[in-house]
Structure formats: C-alpha cells, structure tokens
Amino acid sequence: MEAIKENDFIELDYTGKAADSGEVFDTTSAETAKQAGIFDEHMAYESAVICVGKRHLLAGLDKQLVGKETGKNYIFKIPTDEGFGRKNGKLIQLVSTAKFRQQNMTPFPGMQVNIDGIVGTVKAVTGGRTIVDFNHPLSGRDLEYTVFVKRVVADLSEKVKAVLRLIGINANAVSVSVADGNLTLEFPQEAPEAMKKDLEEKLKSTISGLSSVSFTVKATPKEKSNVQSAGLAAATDAKPN
C-alpha cells in the first residue's frame, strides 16, 4: 500500500451519490449505472486516472484523497460548499410558457430544458409562467462518494494519455513517446498552433518531469510507401558492383 500525495496520478473507481436520497449521479461502473437507471451507452465505464490536487474531481473529493492509501475502499462525505455549491436565487427564473409553446414544447416539473444555451430544470408551471432553475441539479445538496484507490501511476506515457482524456482529446488516436523527459505527440492530422500551445502548458503544469513537448503528424500510407521506396533505392544504389 502506498500513501497518496498531492500531484500524484492515481487510478481509482468511484460512485457519487446525493447524501440525502442515495441517488447515484456519477460512477465508473457500468453495472452500478444500470442499476441506478443512468446508464449511457455512449459513456466509457472504466477506472479513471486523475492527478490529485488539480481539480480533476470535485474539490471536496480531491482534497480528501491526500494521505489515503492504495488498495483500500473509502467513503467520503462532501459538504455542499465543496460539491456543486449552494443554490443561487438569481438563477431561478420565470419564463413565459408561451416561449415553450412556440417550440412545440409542453413544460412540466422535472423537464430538462436548454434556453439560450443554458441548461435548466423546470420546477413548476403556473398559468402562463414557468419556473426554471438554472442551478446545477445537485446544488444545495451534500454528496457522498465511495472510492476504491487502485494504484499510483508512475509511467509518464500513461500520465500523458490521462491528461489528454481529461481535456477531451481522443487519447487512442494519439501516439505518445517519452525519452529523457522529452515528449512527442503524434496526431492523425495537423493541430492548430493555439491548441498545441495550450496543450503544452497543461501537460507541463500537470506532469512533473516533462522538459519539452513536440508535435508531429502521422504519415499517410502513401507517404510511408514513398519513404520505404526511397530507402530501398538508396540501399540498392549503395550496393557494390
């Protein structure tokens, strides 16, 4: 067993619940998601790799991981202020029911809506007015997480892949190689310069031991064939008569 320190990368399984009702809202387990009725076939249910102290998890959970040991199960209580925060009264608004009717929608309590790009939950419908709460659905509630810490991740390439996933990049499409602290990322196609700069900053600030980050583009089959042909020709030319 190994004690967890801030900035360690760890692999863990977890399930998050509302403390008052036991309602599951997040989990790494497909079976748990199915039992709770929140299973999403587009989600990848697998152990997560995160960096402790970098807020890859809720603040209240993140800080409680420090000092814990690998190979153990834990139950963490997360108070409202360290979860999704308290409700903001300004985010509970009256919306004309006619606005829904214009889009062939009939609002009802519990309905999830997107108004002007902001997601909210219908709380009540009274006459020509609909009350919509734009706070996070779990704001104002204490939470509970059950966590199993599997291991501390030491491999630099695995850490890089984890950061890519955490920021929404398909890590399976990127080849990663690290030598003496020098990281090379090979993408399927050329990435914008702004993205490269931002990614380099995130990787260096999250992973200790990286001295440089460079980017390359995977060669197409035609390009590989040309390179191989050129190499063969050079080797043939070099043969003595």
C-alpha atoms as a PDB file:
ATOM      1  CA  MET A   1       0.000   0.000   0.000  1.00  0.00           C
ATOM      2  CA  GLU A   2       1.199   3.473  -0.890  1.00  0.00           C
ATOM      3  CA  ALA A   3       0.154   6.815   0.601  1.00  0.00           C
ATOM      4  CA  ILE A   4      -1.219   9.348  -1.882  1.00  0.00           C
ATOM      5  CA  LYS A   5       0.432  12.750  -2.200  1.00  0.00           C
ATOM      6  CA  GLU A   6      -0.680  15.916  -3.947  1.00  0.00           C
ATOM      7  CA  ASN A   7       0.274  15.871  -7.655  1.00  0.00           C
ATOM      8  CA  ASP A   8       0.287  12.059  -7.712  1.00  0.00           C
ATOM      9  CA  PHE A   9      -1.527  10.427 -10.618  1.00  0.00           C
ATOM     10  CA  ILE A  10      -3.800   7.682  -9.331  1.00  0.00           C
ATOM     11  CA  GLU A  11      -6.179   5.144 -10.827  1.00  0.00           C
ATOM     12  CA  LEU A  12      -9.496   4.818  -8.991  1.00  0.00           C
ATOM     13  CA  ASP A  13     -13.063   3.596  -9.201  1.00  0.00           C
ATOM     14  CA  TYR A  14     -15.821   5.716  -7.698  1.00  0.00           C
ATOM     15  CA  THR A  15     -19.553   6.239  -7.343  1.00  0.00           C
ATOM     16  CA  GLY A  16     -21.097   9.576  -6.401  1.00  0.00           C
ATOM     17  CA  LYS A  17     -24.489   9.847  -4.671  1.00  0.00           C
ATOM     18  CA  ALA A  18     -26.716  12.531  -3.237  1.00  0.00           C
ATOM     19  CA  ALA A  19     -26.282  12.107   0.536  1.00  0.00           C
ATOM     20  CA  ASP A  20     -29.940  12.733   1.372  1.00  0.00           C
ATOM     21  CA  SER A  21     -31.510  10.309  -1.104  1.00  0.00           C
ATOM     22  CA  GLY A  22     -28.761   7.903  -2.165  1.00  0.00           C
ATOM     23  CA  GLU A  23     -29.448   8.868  -5.791  1.00  0.00           C
ATOM     24  CA  VAL A  24     -26.442   7.899  -7.953  1.00  0.00           C
ATOM     25  CA  PHE A  25     -25.355  10.669 -10.318  1.00  0.00           C
ATOM     26  CA  ASP A  26     -21.882   9.531 -11.403  1.00  0.00           C
ATOM     27  CA  THR A  27     -19.973   6.243 -11.462  1.00  0.00           C
ATOM     28  CA  THR A  28     -17.142   4.417 -13.193  1.00  0.00           C
ATOM     29  CA  SER A  29     -19.102   1.144 -13.006  1.00  0.00           C
ATOM     30  CA  ALA A  30     -21.405   0.143 -15.869  1.00  0.00           C
ATOM     31  CA  GLU A  31     -23.280  -2.256 -13.577  1.00  0.00           C
ATOM     32  CA  THR A  32     -23.897   0.462 -10.976  1.00  0.00           C
ATOM     33  CA  ALA A  33     -25.068   2.847 -13.702  1.00  0.00           C
ATOM     34  CA  LYS A  34     -27.541   0.260 -14.995  1.00  0.00           C
ATOM     35  CA  GLN A  35     -28.884  -0.421 -11.510  1.00  0.00           C
ATOM     36  CA  ALA A  36     -29.324   3.321 -10.903  1.00  0.00           C
ATOM     37  CA  GLY A  37     -31.025   3.879 -14.265  1.00  0.00           C
ATOM     38  CA  ILE A  38     -28.394   6.325 -15.515  1.00  0.00           C
ATOM     39  CA  PHE A  39     -26.518   4.035 -17.924  1.00  0.00           C
ATOM     40  CA  ASP A  40     -25.400   5.785 -21.110  1.00  0.00           C
ATOM     41  CA  GLU A  41     -24.220   3.543 -23.957  1.00  0.00           C
ATOM     42  CA  HIS A  42     -22.054   6.378 -25.256  1.00  0.00           C
ATOM     43  CA  MET A  43     -20.097   6.575 -21.997  1.00  0.00           C
ATOM     44  CA  ALA A  44     -16.923   4.595 -21.332  1.00  0.00           C
ATOM     45  CA  TYR A  45     -17.317   2.982 -17.917  1.00  0.00           C
ATOM     46  CA  GLU A  46     -13.804   2.268 -16.710  1.00  0.00           C
ATOM     47  CA  SER A  47     -11.383   3.174 -13.927  1.00  0.00           C
ATOM     48  CA  ALA A  48     -10.351   6.833 -14.016  1.00  0.00           C
ATOM     49  CA  VAL A  49      -6.790   8.173 -13.913  1.00  0.00           C
ATOM     50  CA  ILE A  50      -6.558  11.661 -12.395  1.00  0.00           C
ATOM     51  CA  CYS A  51      -3.926  13.962 -10.901  1.00  0.00           C
ATOM     52  CA  VAL A  52      -4.577  14.694  -7.226  1.00  0.00           C
ATOM     53  CA  GLY A  53      -4.797  18.399  -6.424  1.00  0.00           C
ATOM     54  CA  LYS A  54      -5.544  19.511  -9.993  1.00  0.00           C
ATOM     55  CA  ARG A  55      -9.347  19.583  -9.528  1.00  0.00           C
ATOM     56  CA  HIS A  56      -9.971  16.739 -11.946  1.00  0.00           C
ATOM     57  CA  LEU A  57     -12.616  15.745  -9.400  1.00  0.00           C
ATOM     58  CA  LEU A  58     -14.915  17.807  -7.170  1.00  0.00           C
ATOM     59  CA  ALA A  59     -12.896  19.948  -4.760  1.00  0.00           C
ATOM     60  CA  GLY A  60     -14.250  18.182  -1.685  1.00  0.00           C
ATOM     61  CA  LEU A  61     -13.281  14.770  -3.027  1.00  0.00           C
ATOM     62  CA  ASP A  62      -9.958  15.877  -4.466  1.00  0.00           C
ATOM     63  CA  LYS A  63      -8.551  17.162  -1.172  1.00  0.00           C
ATOM     64  CA  GLN A  64      -9.700  14.139   0.849  1.00  0.00           C
ATOM     65  CA  LEU A  65      -7.639  11.775  -1.308  1.00  0.00           C
ATOM     66  CA  VAL A  66      -4.339  13.177   0.004  1.00  0.00           C
ATOM     67  CA  GLY A  67      -2.838  10.860   2.605  1.00  0.00           C
ATOM     68  CA  LYS A  68      -5.094   7.910   1.766  1.00  0.00           C
ATOM     69  CA  GLU A  69      -3.633   4.558   0.732  1.00  0.00           C
ATOM     70  CA  THR A  70      -3.850   2.481  -2.402  1.00  0.00           C
ATOM     71  CA  GLY A  71      -5.719  -0.808  -2.320  1.00  0.00           C
ATOM     72  CA  LYS A  72      -8.389   0.485   0.063  1.00  0.00           C
ATOM     73  CA  ASN A  73     -12.053   1.447  -0.099  1.00  0.00           C
ATOM     74  CA  TYR A  74     -13.170   4.806   1.274  1.00  0.00           C
ATOM     75  CA  ILE A  75     -16.433   6.652   1.855  1.00  0.00           C
ATOM     76  CA  PHE A  76     -16.119  10.435   1.612  1.00  0.00           C
ATOM     77  CA  LYS A  77     -18.740  12.947   2.743  1.00  0.00           C
ATOM     78  CA  ILE A  78     -18.765  16.058   0.546  1.00  0.00           C
ATOM     79  CA  PRO A  79     -20.459  19.155   2.021  1.00  0.00           C
ATOM     80  CA  THR A  80     -22.480  21.417  -0.279  1.00  0.00           C
ATOM     81  CA  ASP A  81     -19.839  24.145  -0.481  1.00  0.00           C
ATOM     82  CA  GLU A  82     -17.231  21.651  -1.687  1.00  0.00           C
ATOM     83  CA  GLY A  83     -19.597  19.914  -4.092  1.00  0.00           C
ATOM     84  CA  PHE A  84     -21.788  21.786  -6.559  1.00  0.00           C
ATOM     85  CA  GLY A  85     -22.262  24.802  -4.321  1.00  0.00           C
ATOM     86  CA  ARG A  86     -25.316  26.461  -2.836  1.00  0.00           C
ATOM     87  CA  LYS A  87     -28.295  27.489  -4.908  1.00  0.00           C
ATOM     88  CA  ASN A  88     -28.177  30.974  -6.394  1.00  0.00           C
ATOM     89  CA  GLY A  89     -31.606  32.593  -6.249  1.00  0.00           C
ATOM     90  CA  LYS A  90     -30.793  34.699  -9.301  1.00  0.00           C
ATOM     91  CA  LEU A  91     -30.588  31.515 -11.374  1.00  0.00           C
ATOM     92  CA  ILE A  92     -34.208  30.597 -10.605  1.00  0.00           C
ATOM     93  CA  GLN A  93     -36.217  32.474 -13.222  1.00  0.00           C
ATOM     94  CA  LEU A  94     -39.732  32.921 -14.528  1.00  0.00           C
ATOM     95  CA  VAL A  95     -40.006  32.120 -18.229  1.00  0.00           C
ATOM     96  CA  SER A  96     -43.106  32.723 -20.308  1.00  0.00           C
ATOM     97  CA  THR A  97     -44.799  29.404 -21.038  1.00  0.00           C
ATOM     98  CA  ALA A  98     -45.551  30.801 -24.498  1.00  0.00           C
ATOM     99  CA  LYS A  99     -41.829  30.586 -25.255  1.00  0.00           C
ATOM    100  CA  PHE A 100     -42.062  26.812 -24.875  1.00  0.00           C
ATOM    101  CA  ARG A 101     -45.296  26.585 -26.868  1.00  0.00           C
ATOM    102  CA  GLN A 102     -43.610  28.372 -29.779  1.00  0.00           C
ATOM    103  CA  GLN A 103     -41.185  25.449 -29.961  1.00  0.00           C
ATOM    104  CA  ASN A 104     -43.955  22.833 -29.668  1.00  0.00           C
ATOM    105  CA  MET A 105     -42.897  22.014 -26.109  1.00  0.00           C
ATOM    106  CA  THR A 106     -45.152  21.490 -23.105  1.00  0.00           C
ATOM    107  CA  PRO A 107     -43.165  22.210 -19.931  1.00  0.00           C
ATOM    108  CA  PHE A 108     -43.626  20.033 -16.847  1.00  0.00           C
ATOM    109  CA  PRO A 109     -41.840  19.776 -13.469  1.00  0.00           C
ATOM    110  CA  GLY A 110     -38.516  17.929 -13.787  1.00  0.00           C
ATOM    111  CA  MET A 111     -38.166  18.618 -17.505  1.00  0.00           C
ATOM    112  CA  GLN A 112     -34.619  19.473 -18.640  1.00  0.00           C
ATOM    113  CA  VAL A 113     -34.552  22.495 -20.945  1.00  0.00           C
ATOM    114  CA  ASN A 114     -31.948  24.489 -22.840  1.00  0.00           C
ATOM    115  CA  ILE A 115     -32.743  28.178 -23.066  1.00  0.00           C
ATOM    116  CA  ASP A 116     -30.287  30.434 -24.888  1.00  0.00           C
ATOM    117  CA  GLY A 117     -27.564  27.810 -24.425  1.00  0.00           C
ATOM    118  CA  ILE A 118     -28.092  27.426 -20.667  1.00  0.00           C
ATOM    119  CA  VAL A 119     -29.415  24.146 -19.270  1.00  0.00           C
ATOM    120  CA  GLY A 120     -32.091  24.334 -16.590  1.00  0.00           C
ATOM    121  CA  THR A 121     -34.760  22.251 -14.850  1.00  0.00           C
ATOM    122  CA  VAL A 122     -38.455  23.146 -14.846  1.00  0.00           C
ATOM    123  CA  LYS A 123     -39.594  23.414 -11.220  1.00  0.00           C
ATOM    124  CA  ALA A 124     -43.225  24.472 -11.660  1.00  0.00           C
ATOM    125  CA  VAL A 125     -45.739  25.564 -14.291  1.00  0.00           C
ATOM    126  CA  THR A 126     -48.404  28.052 -13.205  1.00  0.00           C
ATOM    127  CA  GLY A 127     -50.689  29.603 -15.781  1.00  0.00           C
ATOM    128  CA  GLY A 128     -48.663  31.470 -18.360  1.00  0.00           C
ATOM    129  CA  ARG A 129     -45.418  31.263 -16.398  1.00  0.00           C
ATOM    130  CA  THR A 130     -42.874  28.503 -15.953  1.00  0.00           C
ATOM    131  CA  ILE A 131     -40.306  28.496 -13.152  1.00  0.00           C
ATOM    132  CA  VAL A 132     -36.937  27.257 -14.385  1.00  0.00           C
ATOM    133  CA  ASP A 133     -33.964  26.551 -12.127  1.00  0.00           C
ATOM    134  CA  PHE A 134     -30.645  27.123 -13.903  1.00  0.00           C
ATOM    135  CA  ASN A 135     -28.585  25.999 -10.905  1.00  0.00           C
ATOM    136  CA  HIS A 136     -26.790  22.661 -11.142  1.00  0.00           C
ATOM    137  CA  PRO A 137     -29.317  19.902 -10.295  1.00  0.00           C
ATOM    138  CA  LEU A 138     -27.177  18.887  -7.295  1.00  0.00           C
ATOM    139  CA  SER A 139     -26.503  22.387  -5.982  1.00  0.00           C
ATOM    140  CA  GLY A 140     -27.537  22.863  -2.382  1.00  0.00           C
ATOM    141  CA  ARG A 141     -27.091  19.172  -1.561  1.00  0.00           C
ATOM    142  CA  ASP A 142     -24.441  17.243   0.351  1.00  0.00           C
ATOM    143  CA  LEU A 143     -22.829  14.356  -1.508  1.00  0.00           C
ATOM    144  CA  GLU A 144     -21.267  11.009  -0.723  1.00  0.00           C
ATOM    145  CA  TYR A 145     -18.582   9.193  -2.714  1.00  0.00           C
ATOM    146  CA  THR A 146     -17.484   5.589  -2.390  1.00  0.00           C
ATOM    147  CA  VAL A 147     -13.958   5.263  -3.760  1.00  0.00           C
ATOM    148  CA  PHE A 148     -11.513   2.424  -4.329  1.00  0.00           C
ATOM    149  CA  VAL A 149      -7.952   3.638  -4.957  1.00  0.00           C
ATOM    150  CA  LYS A 150      -6.270   1.055  -7.174  1.00  0.00           C
ATOM    151  CA  ARG A 151      -2.729   2.341  -7.607  1.00  0.00           C
ATOM    152  CA  VAL A 152      -0.376   5.276  -8.066  1.00  0.00           C
ATOM    153  CA  VAL A 153       0.517   5.745 -11.750  1.00  0.00           C
ATOM    154  CA  ALA A 154       4.247   6.153 -12.400  1.00  0.00           C
ATOM    155  CA  ASP A 155       4.544   5.765 -16.188  1.00  0.00           C
ATOM    156  CA  LEU A 156       4.895   9.145 -17.945  1.00  0.00           C
ATOM    157  CA  SER A 157       3.167   7.982 -21.124  1.00  0.00           C
ATOM    158  CA  GLU A 158       0.159   6.825 -19.117  1.00  0.00           C
ATOM    159  CA  LYS A 159       0.034  10.182 -17.348  1.00  0.00           C
ATOM    160  CA  VAL A 160       0.065  11.990 -20.704  1.00  0.00           C
ATOM    161  CA  LYS A 161      -2.782   9.822 -22.021  1.00  0.00           C
ATOM    162  CA  ALA A 162      -4.774  10.565 -18.872  1.00  0.00           C
ATOM    163  CA  VAL A 163      -4.391  14.339 -19.311  1.00  0.00           C
ATOM    164  CA  LEU A 164      -5.460  14.074 -22.953  1.00  0.00           C
ATOM    165  CA  ARG A 165      -8.641  12.234 -21.933  1.00  0.00           C
ATOM    166  CA  LEU A 166      -9.386  14.709 -19.145  1.00  0.00           C
ATOM    167  CA  ILE A 167      -9.360  17.637 -21.570  1.00  0.00           C
ATOM    168  CA  GLY A 168     -11.474  15.839 -24.156  1.00  0.00           C
ATOM    169  CA  ILE A 169      -8.892  14.581 -26.650  1.00  0.00           C
ATOM    170  CA  ASN A 170      -9.187  11.032 -28.004  1.00  0.00           C
ATOM    171  CA  ALA A 171      -6.023   9.579 -26.472  1.00  0.00           C
ATOM    172  CA  ASN A 172      -6.347   6.397 -28.555  1.00  0.00           C
ATOM    173  CA  ALA A 173      -5.794   8.441 -31.717  1.00  0.00           C
ATOM    174  CA  VAL A 174      -2.550   9.990 -30.450  1.00  0.00           C
ATOM    175  CA  SER A 175       0.802   8.198 -30.314  1.00  0.00           C
ATOM    176  CA  VAL A 176       2.855   9.108 -27.235  1.00  0.00           C
ATOM    177  CA  SER A 177       6.587   8.649 -26.773  1.00  0.00           C
ATOM    178  CA  VAL A 178       8.733   9.975 -23.926  1.00  0.00           C
ATOM    179  CA  ALA A 179      12.519   9.862 -23.756  1.00  0.00           C
ATOM    180  CA  ASP A 180      14.560  11.620 -21.054  1.00  0.00           C
ATOM    181  CA  GLY A 181      11.664  13.945 -20.263  1.00  0.00           C
ATOM    182  CA  ASN A 182      11.126  14.902 -23.907  1.00  0.00           C
ATOM    183  CA  LEU A 183       7.557  14.185 -25.019  1.00  0.00           C
ATOM    184  CA  THR A 184       6.496  13.680 -28.640  1.00  0.00           C
ATOM    185  CA  LEU A 185       2.812  13.579 -29.553  1.00  0.00           C
ATOM    186  CA  GLU A 186       1.894  12.197 -32.965  1.00  0.00           C
ATOM    187  CA  PHE A 187      -1.565  13.328 -34.121  1.00  0.00           C
ATOM    188  CA  PRO A 188      -3.621  11.979 -37.052  1.00  0.00           C
ATOM    189  CA  GLN A 189      -3.597  15.469 -38.586  1.00  0.00           C
ATOM    190  CA  GLU A 190      -2.005  18.852 -38.042  1.00  0.00           C
ATOM    191  CA  ALA A 191      -3.275  20.578 -34.888  1.00  0.00           C
ATOM    192  CA  PRO A 192      -3.815  24.379 -34.667  1.00  0.00           C
ATOM    193  CA  GLU A 193      -0.906  26.268 -33.111  1.00  0.00           C
ATOM    194  CA  ALA A 194      -3.130  27.700 -30.359  1.00  0.00           C
ATOM    195  CA  MET A 195      -4.192  24.182 -29.392  1.00  0.00           C
ATOM    196  CA  LYS A 196      -0.576  22.993 -29.324  1.00  0.00           C
ATOM    197  CA  LYS A 197       0.455  25.861 -27.064  1.00  0.00           C
ATOM    198  CA  ASP A 198      -2.462  25.324 -24.691  1.00  0.00           C
ATOM    199  CA  LEU A 199      -1.871  21.559 -24.569  1.00  0.00           C
ATOM    200  CA  GLU A 200       1.848  22.008 -23.916  1.00  0.00           C
ATOM    201  CA  GLU A 201       1.102  24.346 -20.986  1.00  0.00           C
ATOM    202  CA  LYS A 202      -1.445  21.926 -19.491  1.00  0.00           C
ATOM    203  CA  LEU A 203       0.884  18.949 -19.789  1.00  0.00           C
ATOM    204  CA  LYS A 204       3.896  20.727 -18.281  1.00  0.00           C
ATOM    205  CA  SER A 205       1.880  22.225 -15.419  1.00  0.00           C
ATOM    206  CA  THR A 206       0.279  18.872 -14.570  1.00  0.00           C
ATOM    207  CA  ILE A 207       3.075  16.348 -15.128  1.00  0.00           C
ATOM    208  CA  SER A 208       6.413  16.828 -13.402  1.00  0.00           C
ATOM    209  CA  GLY A 209       9.436  15.553 -15.282  1.00  0.00           C
ATOM    210  CA  LEU A 210       8.494  16.869 -18.730  1.00  0.00           C
ATOM    211  CA  SER A 211      11.167  19.167 -20.149  1.00  0.00           C
ATOM    212  CA  SER A 212       9.812  19.575 -23.683  1.00  0.00           C
ATOM    213  CA  VAL A 213       6.732  18.794 -25.782  1.00  0.00           C
ATOM    214  CA  SER A 214       6.835  18.423 -29.571  1.00  0.00           C
ATOM    215  CA  PHE A 215       4.140  17.601 -32.099  1.00  0.00           C
ATOM    216  CA  THR A 216       4.238  15.525 -35.268  1.00  0.00           C
ATOM    217  CA  VAL A 217       1.662  14.247 -37.766  1.00  0.00           C
ATOM    218  CA  LYS A 218       1.212  10.583 -38.606  1.00  0.00           C
ATOM    219  CA  ALA A 219       2.418   9.724 -42.097  1.00  0.00           C
ATOM    220  CA  THR A 220      -0.252   8.520 -44.523  1.00  0.00           C
ATOM    221  CA  PRO A 221       0.117   5.057 -46.129  1.00  0.00           C
ATOM    222  CA  LYS A 222       1.231   6.760 -49.365  1.00  0.00           C
ATOM    223  CA  GLU A 223       3.870   8.803 -47.546  1.00  0.00           C
ATOM    224  CA  LYS A 224       5.132   5.673 -45.746  1.00  0.00           C
ATOM    225  CA  SER A 225       5.324   3.853 -49.073  1.00  0.00           C
ATOM    226  CA  ASN A 226       7.337   6.707 -50.607  1.00  0.00           C
ATOM    227  CA  VAL A 227       9.731   6.700 -47.643  1.00  0.00           C
ATOM    228  CA  GLN A 228      10.187   2.924 -47.873  1.00  0.00           C
ATOM    229  CA  SER A 229      10.761   3.108 -51.648  1.00  0.00           C
ATOM    230  CA  ALA A 230      13.317   5.867 -51.179  1.00  0.00           C
ATOM    231  CA  GLY A 231      15.099   3.816 -48.528  1.00  0.00           C
ATOM    232  CA  LEU A 232      15.137   0.745 -50.774  1.00  0.00           C
ATOM    233  CA  ALA A 233      16.502   2.757 -53.687  1.00  0.00           C
ATOM    234  CA  ALA A 234      19.224   4.240 -51.512  1.00  0.00           C
ATOM    235  CA  ALA A 235      20.188   0.808 -50.250  1.00  0.00           C
ATOM    236  CA  THR A 236      20.312  -0.568 -53.819  1.00  0.00           C
ATOM    237  CA  ASP A 237      22.473   2.325 -55.010  1.00  0.00           C
ATOM    238  CA  ALA A 238      24.863   1.710 -52.129  1.00  0.00           C
ATOM    239  CA  LYS A 239      25.494  -1.966 -53.093  1.00  0.00           C
ATOM    240  CA  PRO A 240      28.955  -2.640 -54.593  1.00  0.00           C
ATOM    241  CA  ASN A 241      29.035  -3.855 -58.195  1.00  0.00           C
END
